[in-house]
Amino acid sequence: IDVRVEIGLKEAYIYTRKIAGIGGLPVGSSGRGVVLFSGGIDSPVAAY
């Protein structure tokens, strides 16, 4: 059991579990692009 305590500006936050995200940058922060989307294996991975 790993009890995490974070001291914020107005509150303290206590939790025992970190759930991993995928990282990266928020969608929309790097502009817009058009993906040539074939339906094969590669183009959906490129889009992601």
All heavy atoms as atom14 arrays in JSON, in Angstrom:
{
  "sequence": "IDVRVEIGLKEAYIYTRKIAGIGGLPVGSSGRGVVLFSGGIDSPVAAY",
  "atom14_mask": [
    [1, 1, 1, 1, 1, 1, 1, 1, 0, 0, 0, 0, 0, 0],
    [1, 1, 1, 1, 1, 1, 1, 1, 0, 0, 0, 0, 0, 0],
    [1, 1, 1, 1, 1, 1, 1, 0, 0, 0, 0, 0, 0, 0],
    [1, 1, 1, 1, 1, 1, 1, 1, 1, 1, 1, 0, 0, 0],
    [1, 1, 1, 1, 1, 1, 1, 0, 0, 0, 0, 0, 0, 0],
    [1, 1, 1, 1, 1, 1, 1, 1, 1, 0, 0, 0, 0, 0],
    [1, 1, 1, 1, 1, 1, 1, 1, 0, 0, 0, 0, 0, 0],
    [1, 1, 1, 1, 0, 0, 0, 0, 0, 0, 0, 0, 0, 0],
    [1, 1, 1, 1, 1, 1, 1, 1, 0, 0, 0, 0, 0, 0],
    [1, 1, 1, 1, 1, 1, 1, 1, 1, 0, 0, 0, 0, 0],
    [1, 1, 1, 1, 1, 1, 1, 1, 1, 0, 0, 0, 0, 0],
    [1, 1, 1, 1, 1, 0, 0, 0, 0, 0, 0, 0, 0, 0],
    [1, 1, 1, 1, 1, 1, 1, 1, 1, 1, 1, 1, 0, 0],
    [1, 1, 1, 1, 1, 1, 1, 1, 0, 0, 0, 0, 0, 0],
    [1, 1, 1, 1, 1, 1, 1, 1, 1, 1, 1, 1, 0, 0],
    [1, 1, 1, 1, 1, 1, 1, 0, 0, 0, 0, 0, 0, 0],
    [1, 1, 1, 1, 1, 1, 1, 1, 1, 1, 1, 0, 0, 0],
    [1, 1, 1, 1, 1, 1, 1, 1, 1, 0, 0, 0, 0, 0],
    [1, 1, 1, 1, 1, 1, 1, 1, 0, 0, 0, 0, 0, 0],
    [1, 1, 1, 1, 1, 0, 0, 0, 0, 0, 0, 0, 0, 0],
    [1, 1, 1, 1, 0, 0, 0, 0, 0, 0, 0, 0, 0, 0],
    [1, 1, 1, 1, 1, 1, 1, 1, 0, 0, 0, 0, 0, 0],
    [1, 1, 1, 1, 0, 0, 0, 0, 0, 0, 0, 0, 0, 0],
    [1, 1, 1, 1, 0, 0, 0, 0, 0, 0, 0, 0, 0, 0],
    [1, 1, 1, 1, 1, 1, 1, 1, 0, 0, 0, 0, 0, 0],
    [1, 1, 1, 1, 1, 1, 1, 0, 0, 0, 0, 0, 0, 0],
    [1, 1, 1, 1, 1, 1, 1, 0, 0, 0, 0, 0, 0, 0],
    [1, 1, 1, 1, 0, 0, 0, 0, 0, 0, 0, 0, 0, 0],
    [1, 1, 1, 1, 1, 1, 0, 0, 0, 0, 0, 0, 0, 0],
    [1, 1, 1, 1, 1, 1, 0, 0, 0, 0, 0, 0, 0, 0],
    [1, 1, 1, 1, 0, 0, 0, 0, 0, 0, 0, 0, 0, 0],
    [1, 1, 1, 1, 1, 1, 1, 1, 1, 1, 1, 0, 0, 0],
    [1, 1, 1, 1, 0, 0, 0, 0, 0, 0, 0, 0, 0, 0],
    [1, 1, 1, 1, 1, 1, 1, 0, 0, 0, 0, 0, 0, 0],
    [1, 1, 1, 1, 1, 1, 1, 0, 0, 0, 0, 0, 0, 0],
    [1, 1, 1, 1, 1, 1, 1, 1, 0, 0, 0, 0, 0, 0],
    [1, 1, 1, 1, 1, 1, 1, 1, 1, 1, 1, 0, 0, 0],
    [1, 1, 1, 1, 1, 1, 0, 0, 0, 0, 0, 0, 0, 0],
    [1, 1, 1, 1, 0, 0, 0, 0, 0, 0, 0, 0, 0, 0],
    [1, 1, 1, 1, 0, 0, 0, 0, 0, 0, 0, 0, 0, 0],
    [1, 1, 1, 1, 1, 1, 1, 1, 0, 0, 0, 0, 0, 0],
    [1, 1, 1, 1, 1, 1, 1, 1, 0, 0, 0, 0, 0, 0],
    [1, 1, 1, 1, 1, 1, 0, 0, 0, 0, 0, 0, 0, 0],
    [1, 1, 1, 1, 1, 1, 1, 0, 0, 0, 0, 0, 0, 0],
    [1, 1, 1, 1, 1, 1, 1, 0, 0, 0, 0, 0, 0, 0],
    [1, 1, 1, 1, 1, 0, 0, 0, 0, 0, 0, 0, 0, 0],
    [1, 1, 1, 1, 1, 0, 0, 0, 0, 0, 0, 0, 0, 0],
    [1, 1, 1, 1, 1, 1, 1, 1, 1, 1, 1, 1, 0, 0]
  ],
  "atom14_positions": [
    [[0.86, -1.18, 0.0], [0.0, 0.0, 0.0], [0.9, 1.23, 0.0], [1.68, 1.44, 0.93], [-0.92, 0.02, 1.24], [-1.79, -1.24, 1.29], [-1.78, 1.27, 1.23], [-2.56, -1.4, 2.6], [0.0, 0.0, 0.0], [0.0, 0.0, 0.0], [0.0, 0.0, 0.0], [0.0, 0.0, 0.0], [0.0, 0.0, 0.0], [0.0, 0.0, 0.0]],
    [[0.8, 2.03, -1.06], [1.59, 3.25, -1.17], [0.65, 4.44, -1.06], [-0.09, 4.75, -2.0], [2.35, 3.28, -2.5], [3.38, 4.41, -2.56], [3.48, 5.17, -1.57], [4.07, 4.53, -3.58], [0.0, 0.0, 0.0], [0.0, 0.0, 0.0], [0.0, 0.0, 0.0], [0.0, 0.0, 0.0], [0.0, 0.0, 0.0], [0.0, 0.0, 0.0]],
    [[0.64, 5.09, 0.08], [-0.26, 6.22, 0.32], [0.43, 7.49, -0.17], [1.47, 7.89, 0.37], [-0.61, 6.34, 1.82], [-1.55, 7.51, 2.02], [-1.23, 5.04, 2.33], [0.0, 0.0, 0.0], [0.0, 0.0, 0.0], [0.0, 0.0, 0.0], [0.0, 0.0, 0.0], [0.0, 0.0, 0.0], [0.0, 0.0, 0.0], [0.0, 0.0, 0.0]],
    [[-0.15, 8.11, -1.16], [0.41, 9.34, -1.74], [-0.33, 10.55, -1.18], [-1.56, 10.57, -1.13], [0.26, 9.32, -3.25], [0.9, 8.11, -3.92], [2.31, 8.38, -4.3], [2.95, 7.23, -4.93], [4.03, 7.31, -5.68], [4.61, 8.48, -5.9], [4.56, 6.22, -6.19], [0.0, 0.0, 0.0], [0.0, 0.0, 0.0], [0.0, 0.0, 0.0]],
    [[0.44, 11.54, -0.78], [-0.12, 12.78, -0.24], [0.46, 13.95, -1.02], [1.68, 14.13, -1.07], [0.21, 12.94, 1.25], [-0.38, 14.25, 1.79], [-0.28, 11.75, 2.06], [0.0, 0.0, 0.0], [0.0, 0.0, 0.0], [0.0, 0.0, 0.0], [0.0, 0.0, 0.0], [0.0, 0.0, 0.0], [0.0, 0.0, 0.0], [0.0, 0.0, 0.0]],
    [[-0.4, 14.72, -1.67], [0.06, 15.9, -2.42], [-0.53, 17.15, -1.78], [-1.74, 17.23, -1.56], [-0.37, 15.81, -3.88], [0.33, 14.72, -4.65], [0.09, 14.82, -6.16], [-0.16, 15.95, -6.65], [0.16, 13.78, -6.83], [0.0, 0.0, 0.0], [0.0, 0.0, 0.0], [0.0, 0.0, 0.0], [0.0, 0.0, 0.0], [0.0, 0.0, 0.0]],
    [[0.34, 18.11, -1.5], [-0.08, 19.37, -0.91], [-0.32, 20.37, -2.03], [0.61, 20.77, -2.74], [0.98, 19.92, 0.06], [1.31, 18.88, 1.14], [0.52, 21.22, 0.68], [0.13, 18.47, 1.98], [0.0, 0.0, 0.0], [0.0, 0.0, 0.0], [0.0, 0.0, 0.0], [0.0, 0.0, 0.0], [0.0, 0.0, 0.0], [0.0, 0.0, 0.0]],
    [[-1.58, 20.73, -2.25], [-1.92, 21.71, -3.28], [-1.99, 23.11, -2.71], [-1.58, 23.37, -1.57], [0.0, 0.0, 0.0], [0.0, 0.0, 0.0], [0.0, 0.0, 0.0], [0.0, 0.0, 0.0], [0.0, 0.0, 0.0], [0.0, 0.0, 0.0], [0.0, 0.0, 0.0], [0.0, 0.0, 0.0], [0.0, 0.0, 0.0], [0.0, 0.0, 0.0]],
    [[-2.53, 24.03, -3.5], [-2.62, 25.42, -3.07], [-3.71, 25.62, -2.02], [-3.55, 26.41, -1.1], [-2.89, 26.32, -4.27], [-1.81, 26.34, -5.35], [-2.25, 27.22, -6.53], [-0.49, 26.84, -4.78], [0.0, 0.0, 0.0], [0.0, 0.0, 0.0], [0.0, 0.0, 0.0], [0.0, 0.0, 0.0], [0.0, 0.0, 0.0], [0.0, 0.0, 0.0]],
    [[-4.81, 24.88, -2.16], [-5.94, 25.07, -1.24], [-6.36, 23.78, -0.55], [-7.09, 23.83, 0.45], [-7.15, 25.62, -2.01], [-6.9, 26.99, -2.62], [-8.15, 27.47, -3.36], [-7.91, 28.84, -3.98], [-9.12, 29.32, -4.72], [0.0, 0.0, 0.0], [0.0, 0.0, 0.0], [0.0, 0.0, 0.0], [0.0, 0.0, 0.0], [0.0, 0.0, 0.0]],
    [[-5.92, 22.64, -1.05], [-6.33, 21.36, -0.5], [-5.16, 20.39, -0.51], [-4.16, 20.61, -1.21], [-7.47, 20.74, -1.33], [-8.78, 21.46, -1.3], [-9.8, 20.75, -2.18], [-9.58, 20.67, -3.41], [-10.81, 20.26, -1.63], [0.0, 0.0, 0.0], [0.0, 0.0, 0.0], [0.0, 0.0, 0.0], [0.0, 0.0, 0.0], [0.0, 0.0, 0.0]],
    [[-5.33, 19.32, 0.23], [-4.41, 18.18, 0.13], [-5.15, 17.05, -0.57], [-6.37, 16.89, -0.42], [-3.96, 17.73, 1.51], [0.0, 0.0, 0.0], [0.0, 0.0, 0.0], [0.0, 0.0, 0.0], [0.0, 0.0, 0.0], [0.0, 0.0, 0.0], [0.0, 0.0, 0.0], [0.0, 0.0, 0.0], [0.0, 0.0, 0.0], [0.0, 0.0, 0.0]],
    [[-4.41, 16.28, -1.35], [-4.99, 15.17, -2.1], [-4.31, 13.88, -1.67], [-3.08, 13.79, -1.65], [-4.8, 15.38, -3.6], [-5.21, 16.75, -4.07], [-4.26, 17.7, -4.44], [-6.56, 17.11, -4.14], [-4.63, 18.97, -4.85], [-6.95, 18.37, -4.55], [-5.97, 19.3, -4.9], [-6.34, 20.56, -5.31], [0.0, 0.0, 0.0], [0.0, 0.0, 0.0]],
    [[-5.12, 12.88, -1.32], [-4.58, 11.62, -0.83], [-5.13, 10.49, -1.69], [-6.35, 10.41, -1.92], [-4.94, 11.38, 0.66], [-4.25, 12.43, 1.55], [-4.48, 10.0, 1.1], [-5.07, 13.65, 1.84], [0.0, 0.0, 0.0], [0.0, 0.0, 0.0], [0.0, 0.0, 0.0], [0.0, 0.0, 0.0], [0.0, 0.0, 0.0], [0.0, 0.0, 0.0]],
    [[-4.25, 9.61, -2.15], [-4.69, 8.5, -2.99], [-3.71, 7.34, -2.84], [-2.59, 7.51, -2.34], [-4.8, 8.92, -4.46], [-3.54, 9.51, -5.04], [-2.62, 8.72, -5.73], [-3.25, 10.87, -4.89], [-1.46, 9.26, -6.26], [-2.09, 11.42, -5.41], [-1.2, 10.61, -6.09], [-0.05, 11.15, -6.61], [0.0, 0.0, 0.0], [0.0, 0.0, 0.0]],
    [[-4.14, 6.15, -3.27], [-3.31, 4.95, -3.13], [-3.06, 4.25, -4.46], [-2.4, 3.22, -4.49], [-3.97, 3.95, -2.17], [-5.23, 3.55, -2.69], [-4.15, 4.55, -0.78], [0.0, 0.0, 0.0], [0.0, 0.0, 0.0], [0.0, 0.0, 0.0], [0.0, 0.0, 0.0], [0.0, 0.0, 0.0], [0.0, 0.0, 0.0], [0.0, 0.0, 0.0]],
    [[-3.56, 4.81, -5.55], [-3.41, 4.14, -6.85], [-3.21, 5.17, -7.95], [-3.96, 6.15, -8.04], [-4.66, 3.31, -7.15], [-4.64, 2.6, -8.49], [-6.01, 2.0, -8.8], [-6.06, 1.41, -10.14], [-7.18, 1.17, -10.81], [-8.36, 1.42, -10.24], [-7.16, 0.65, -12.02], [0.0, 0.0, 0.0], [0.0, 0.0, 0.0], [0.0, 0.0, 0.0]],
    [[-2.17, 4.96, -8.77], [-1.97, 5.76, -9.97], [-2.38, 4.94, -11.18], [-1.92, 3.82, -11.36], [-0.49, 6.16, -10.11], [-0.07, 7.35, -9.28], [1.35, 7.77, -9.65], [1.76, 9.03, -8.9], [3.13, 9.46, -9.3], [0.0, 0.0, 0.0], [0.0, 0.0, 0.0], [0.0, 0.0, 0.0], [0.0, 0.0, 0.0], [0.0, 0.0, 0.0]],
    [[-3.23, 5.53, -12.02], [-3.69, 4.86, -13.23], [-2.96, 5.48, -14.41], [-3.0, 6.7, -14.61], [-5.21, 5.02, -13.39], [-5.94, 4.48, -12.14], [-5.69, 4.32, -14.65], [-7.31, 5.05, -11.95], [0.0, 0.0, 0.0], [0.0, 0.0, 0.0], [0.0, 0.0, 0.0], [0.0, 0.0, 0.0], [0.0, 0.0, 0.0], [0.0, 0.0, 0.0]],
    [[-2.27, 4.66, -15.17], [-1.45, 5.17, -16.27], [-2.32, 5.7, -17.4], [-3.32, 5.09, -17.79], [-0.53, 4.07, -16.79], [0.0, 0.0, 0.0], [0.0, 0.0, 0.0], [0.0, 0.0, 0.0], [0.0, 0.0, 0.0], [0.0, 0.0, 0.0], [0.0, 0.0, 0.0], [0.0, 0.0, 0.0], [0.0, 0.0, 0.0], [0.0, 0.0, 0.0]],
    [[-1.94, 6.86, -17.94], [-2.54, 7.39, -19.15], [-1.63, 7.07, -20.33], [-0.65, 6.34, -20.2], [0.0, 0.0, 0.0], [0.0, 0.0, 0.0], [0.0, 0.0, 0.0], [0.0, 0.0, 0.0], [0.0, 0.0, 0.0], [0.0, 0.0, 0.0], [0.0, 0.0, 0.0], [0.0, 0.0, 0.0], [0.0, 0.0, 0.0], [0.0, 0.0, 0.0]],
    [[-1.94, 7.66, -21.49], [-1.12, 7.39, -22.67], [-0.13, 8.52, -22.93], [0.69, 8.43, -23.86], [-1.98, 7.14, -23.92], [-2.81, 8.38, -24.29], [-2.86, 5.94, -23.74], [-3.57, 8.23, -25.6], [0.0, 0.0, 0.0], [0.0, 0.0, 0.0], [0.0, 0.0, 0.0], [0.0, 0.0, 0.0], [0.0, 0.0, 0.0], [0.0, 0.0, 0.0]],
    [[-0.17, 9.59, -22.12], [0.78, 10.67, -22.3], [0.5, 11.47, -23.56], [-0.61, 11.51, -24.07], [0.0, 0.0, 0.0], [0.0, 0.0, 0.0], [0.0, 0.0, 0.0], [0.0, 0.0, 0.0], [0.0, 0.0, 0.0], [0.0, 0.0, 0.0], [0.0, 0.0, 0.0], [0.0, 0.0, 0.0], [0.0, 0.0, 0.0], [0.0, 0.0, 0.0]],
    [[1.56, 12.12, -24.07], [1.39, 12.92, -25.28], [0.88, 14.31, -24.98], [1.09, 14.87, -23.9], [0.0, 0.0, 0.0], [0.0, 0.0, 0.0], [0.0, 0.0, 0.0], [0.0, 0.0, 0.0], [0.0, 0.0, 0.0], [0.0, 0.0, 0.0], [0.0, 0.0, 0.0], [0.0, 0.0, 0.0], [0.0, 0.0, 0.0], [0.0, 0.0, 0.0]],
    [[0.16, 14.88, -25.96], [-0.36, 16.24, -25.87], [-1.87, 16.22, -26.09], [-2.39, 15.34, -26.78], [0.29, 17.13, -26.93], [1.8, 17.36, -26.8], [2.33, 18.1, -28.02], [2.12, 18.13, -25.53], [0.0, 0.0, 0.0], [0.0, 0.0, 0.0], [0.0, 0.0, 0.0], [0.0, 0.0, 0.0], [0.0, 0.0, 0.0], [0.0, 0.0, 0.0]],
    [[-2.6, 17.19, -25.53], [-4.05, 17.19, -25.7], [-4.47, 17.4, -27.15], [-3.88, 18.23, -27.86], [-4.51, 18.37, -24.81], [-3.29, 19.2, -24.59], [-2.14, 18.27, -24.64], [0.0, 0.0, 0.0], [0.0, 0.0, 0.0], [0.0, 0.0, 0.0], [0.0, 0.0, 0.0], [0.0, 0.0, 0.0], [0.0, 0.0, 0.0], [0.0, 0.0, 0.0]],
    [[-5.45, 16.65, -27.59], [-5.95, 16.75, -28.95], [-6.41, 18.18, -29.23], [-7.14, 18.78, -28.45], [-7.11, 15.77, -29.19], [-7.71, 15.99, -30.58], [-6.64, 14.34, -29.04], [0.0, 0.0, 0.0], [0.0, 0.0, 0.0], [0.0, 0.0, 0.0], [0.0, 0.0, 0.0], [0.0, 0.0, 0.0], [0.0, 0.0, 0.0], [0.0, 0.0, 0.0]],
    [[-5.96, 18.71, -30.38], [-6.31, 20.06, -30.77], [-5.23, 21.08, -30.47], [-5.29, 22.21, -30.96], [0.0, 0.0, 0.0], [0.0, 0.0, 0.0], [0.0, 0.0, 0.0], [0.0, 0.0, 0.0], [0.0, 0.0, 0.0], [0.0, 0.0, 0.0], [0.0, 0.0, 0.0], [0.0, 0.0, 0.0], [0.0, 0.0, 0.0], [0.0, 0.0, 0.0]],
    [[-4.23, 20.68, -29.68], [-3.17, 21.63, -29.33], [-2.09, 21.71, -30.4], [-1.25, 22.6, -30.36], [-2.54, 21.23, -27.98], [-1.9, 19.97, -28.06], [0.0, 0.0, 0.0], [0.0, 0.0, 0.0], [0.0, 0.0, 0.0], [0.0, 0.0, 0.0], [0.0, 0.0, 0.0], [0.0, 0.0, 0.0], [0.0, 0.0, 0.0], [0.0, 0.0, 0.0]],
    [[-2.08, 20.77, -31.35], [-1.06, 20.74, -32.4], [-1.66, 20.9, -33.79], [-1.13, 20.4, -34.77], [-0.27, 19.43, -32.33], [0.41, 19.3, -31.11], [0.0, 0.0, 0.0], [0.0, 0.0, 0.0], [0.0, 0.0, 0.0], [0.0, 0.0, 0.0], [0.0, 0.0, 0.0], [0.0, 0.0, 0.0], [0.0, 0.0, 0.0], [0.0, 0.0, 0.0]],
    [[-2.79, 21.59, -33.88], [-3.39, 21.84, -35.17], [-4.21, 20.67, -35.7], [-4.54, 19.73, -34.97], [0.0, 0.0, 0.0], [0.0, 0.0, 0.0], [0.0, 0.0, 0.0], [0.0, 0.0, 0.0], [0.0, 0.0, 0.0], [0.0, 0.0, 0.0], [0.0, 0.0, 0.0], [0.0, 0.0, 0.0], [0.0, 0.0, 0.0], [0.0, 0.0, 0.0]],
    [[-4.54, 20.75, -36.98], [-5.41, 19.75, -37.62], [-4.7, 19.16, -38.84], [-4.0, 19.87, -39.56], [-6.72, 20.41, -38.04], [-7.72, 19.48, -38.71], [-9.0, 20.21, -39.05], [-9.67, 20.67, -37.83], [-10.68, 21.54, -37.82], [-11.11, 22.07, -38.95], [-11.23, 21.88, -36.68], [0.0, 0.0, 0.0], [0.0, 0.0, 0.0], [0.0, 0.0, 0.0]],
    [[-4.87, 17.86, -39.05], [-4.28, 17.2, -40.21], [-5.26, 16.23, -40.84], [-6.18, 15.74, -40.18], [0.0, 0.0, 0.0], [0.0, 0.0, 0.0], [0.0, 0.0, 0.0], [0.0, 0.0, 0.0], [0.0, 0.0, 0.0], [0.0, 0.0, 0.0], [0.0, 0.0, 0.0], [0.0, 0.0, 0.0], [0.0, 0.0, 0.0], [0.0, 0.0, 0.0]],
    [[-5.07, 15.96, -42.12], [-5.9, 15.01, -42.86], [-5.1, 13.74, -43.09], [-3.98, 13.78, -43.61], [-6.36, 15.62, -44.2], [-6.93, 14.54, -45.12], [-7.39, 16.7, -43.96], [0.0, 0.0, 0.0], [0.0, 0.0, 0.0], [0.0, 0.0, 0.0], [0.0, 0.0, 0.0], [0.0, 0.0, 0.0], [0.0, 0.0, 0.0], [0.0, 0.0, 0.0]],
    [[-5.67, 12.6, -42.68], [-5.0, 11.31, -42.79], [-5.54, 10.56, -44.01], [-6.75, 10.39, -44.16], [-5.24, 10.45, -41.53], [-4.55, 9.1, -41.66], [-4.75, 11.18, -40.29], [0.0, 0.0, 0.0], [0.0, 0.0, 0.0], [0.0, 0.0, 0.0], [0.0, 0.0, 0.0], [0.0, 0.0, 0.0], [0.0, 0.0, 0.0], [0.0, 0.0, 0.0]],
    [[-4.61, 10.12, -44.88], [-5.0, 9.22, -45.97], [-5.23, 7.85, -45.35], [-4.29, 7.18, -44.94], [-3.93, 9.19, -47.06], [-3.92, 10.42, -47.96], [-2.95, 11.48, -47.43], [-3.57, 10.05, -49.39], [0.0, 0.0, 0.0], [0.0, 0.0, 0.0], [0.0, 0.0, 0.0], [0.0, 0.0, 0.0], [0.0, 0.0, 0.0], [0.0, 0.0, 0.0]],
    [[-6.48, 7.44, -45.31], [-6.94, 6.35, -44.45], [-7.33, 5.16, -45.3], [-8.43, 5.08, -45.84], [-8.14, 6.87, -43.65], [-8.49, 6.07, -42.44], [-7.6, 5.92, -41.39], [-9.74, 5.48, -42.33], [-7.94, 5.2, -40.26], [-10.09, 4.76, -41.2], [-9.18, 4.62, -40.17], [0.0, 0.0, 0.0], [0.0, 0.0, 0.0], [0.0, 0.0, 0.0]],
    [[-6.41, 4.19, -45.41], [-6.63, 3.07, -46.34], [-7.49, 1.96, -45.76], [-8.13, 1.22, -46.49], [-5.28, 2.48, -46.75], [-4.68, 1.81, -45.66], [0.0, 0.0, 0.0], [0.0, 0.0, 0.0], [0.0, 0.0, 0.0], [0.0, 0.0, 0.0], [0.0, 0.0, 0.0], [0.0, 0.0, 0.0], [0.0, 0.0, 0.0], [0.0, 0.0, 0.0]],
    [[-7.46, 1.79, -44.45], [-8.14, 0.65, -43.83], [-7.21, -0.5, -43.57], [-7.63, -1.54, -43.05], [0.0, 0.0, 0.0], [0.0, 0.0, 0.0], [0.0, 0.0, 0.0], [0.0, 0.0, 0.0], [0.0, 0.0, 0.0], [0.0, 0.0, 0.0], [0.0, 0.0, 0.0], [0.0, 0.0, 0.0], [0.0, 0.0, 0.0], [0.0, 0.0, 0.0]],
    [[-5.93, -0.37, -43.93], [-4.96, -1.4, -43.6], [-4.48, -1.26, -42.16], [-5.09, -0.58, -41.35], [0.0, 0.0, 0.0], [0.0, 0.0, 0.0], [0.0, 0.0, 0.0], [0.0, 0.0, 0.0], [0.0, 0.0, 0.0], [0.0, 0.0, 0.0], [0.0, 0.0, 0.0], [0.0, 0.0, 0.0], [0.0, 0.0, 0.0], [0.0, 0.0, 0.0]],
    [[-3.36, -1.86, -41.87], [-2.83, -1.82, -40.5], [-2.17, -0.49, -40.21], [-2.29, 0.07, -39.11], [-1.82, -2.97, -40.29], [-2.52, -4.33, -40.4], [-1.13, -2.85, -38.94], [-1.58, -5.52, -40.41], [0.0, 0.0, 0.0], [0.0, 0.0, 0.0], [0.0, 0.0, 0.0], [0.0, 0.0, 0.0], [0.0, 0.0, 0.0], [0.0, 0.0, 0.0]],
    [[-1.48, 0.08, -41.22], [-0.59, 1.21, -40.95], [-1.32, 2.54, -40.73], [-0.99, 3.28, -39.81], [0.39, 1.37, -42.12], [1.28, 0.15, -42.29], [1.35, -0.67, -41.36], [1.89, 0.01, -43.36], [0.0, 0.0, 0.0], [0.0, 0.0, 0.0], [0.0, 0.0, 0.0], [0.0, 0.0, 0.0], [0.0, 0.0, 0.0], [0.0, 0.0, 0.0]],
    [[-2.27, 2.88, -41.61], [-2.84, 4.23, -41.54], [-3.6, 4.51, -40.24], [-3.51, 5.62, -39.72], [-3.7, 4.52, -42.77], [-4.77, 3.61, -42.9], [0.0, 0.0, 0.0], [0.0, 0.0, 0.0], [0.0, 0.0, 0.0], [0.0, 0.0, 0.0], [0.0, 0.0, 0.0], [0.0, 0.0, 0.0], [0.0, 0.0, 0.0], [0.0, 0.0, 0.0]],
    [[-4.35, 3.55, -39.65], [-4.96, 3.84, -38.35], [-3.92, 4.09, -37.25], [-4.11, 4.93, -36.37], [-5.79, 2.58, -38.04], [-6.05, 1.97, -39.37], [-4.83, 2.25, -40.18], [0.0, 0.0, 0.0], [0.0, 0.0, 0.0], [0.0, 0.0, 0.0], [0.0, 0.0, 0.0], [0.0, 0.0, 0.0], [0.0, 0.0, 0.0], [0.0, 0.0, 0.0]],
    [[-2.78, 3.36, -37.33], [-1.72, 3.58, -36.35], [-1.09, 4.95, -36.55], [-0.79, 5.66, -35.59], [-0.65, 2.47, -36.45], [0.53, 2.76, -35.53], [-1.27, 1.12, -36.09], [0.0, 0.0, 0.0], [0.0, 0.0, 0.0], [0.0, 0.0, 0.0], [0.0, 0.0, 0.0], [0.0, 0.0, 0.0], [0.0, 0.0, 0.0], [0.0, 0.0, 0.0]],
    [[-0.89, 5.35, -37.81], [-0.37, 6.69, -38.1], [-1.32, 7.76, -37.56], [-0.88, 8.77, -36.97], [-0.16, 6.87, -39.6], [0.0, 0.0, 0.0], [0.0, 0.0, 0.0], [0.0, 0.0, 0.0], [0.0, 0.0, 0.0], [0.0, 0.0, 0.0], [0.0, 0.0, 0.0], [0.0, 0.0, 0.0], [0.0, 0.0, 0.0], [0.0, 0.0, 0.0]],
    [[-2.63, 7.56, -37.74], [-3.61, 8.51, -37.23], [-3.54, 8.61, -35.72], [-3.52, 9.71, -35.15], [-5.01, 8.1, -37.68], [0.0, 0.0, 0.0], [0.0, 0.0, 0.0], [0.0, 0.0, 0.0], [0.0, 0.0, 0.0], [0.0, 0.0, 0.0], [0.0, 0.0, 0.0], [0.0, 0.0, 0.0], [0.0, 0.0, 0.0], [0.0, 0.0, 0.0]],
    [[-3.48, 7.45, -35.05], [-3.38, 7.44, -33.59], [-2.12, 8.16, -33.11], [-2.16, 8.93, -32.14], [-3.38, 6.01, -33.06], [-2.94, 5.9, -31.62], [-3.83, 6.15, -30.58], [-1.62, 5.58, -31.3], [-3.42, 6.07, -29.27], [-1.2, 5.5, -29.98], [-2.11, 5.75, -28.97], [-1.68, 5.69, -27.66], [0.0, 0.0, 0.0], [0.0, 0.0, 0.0]]
  ]
}
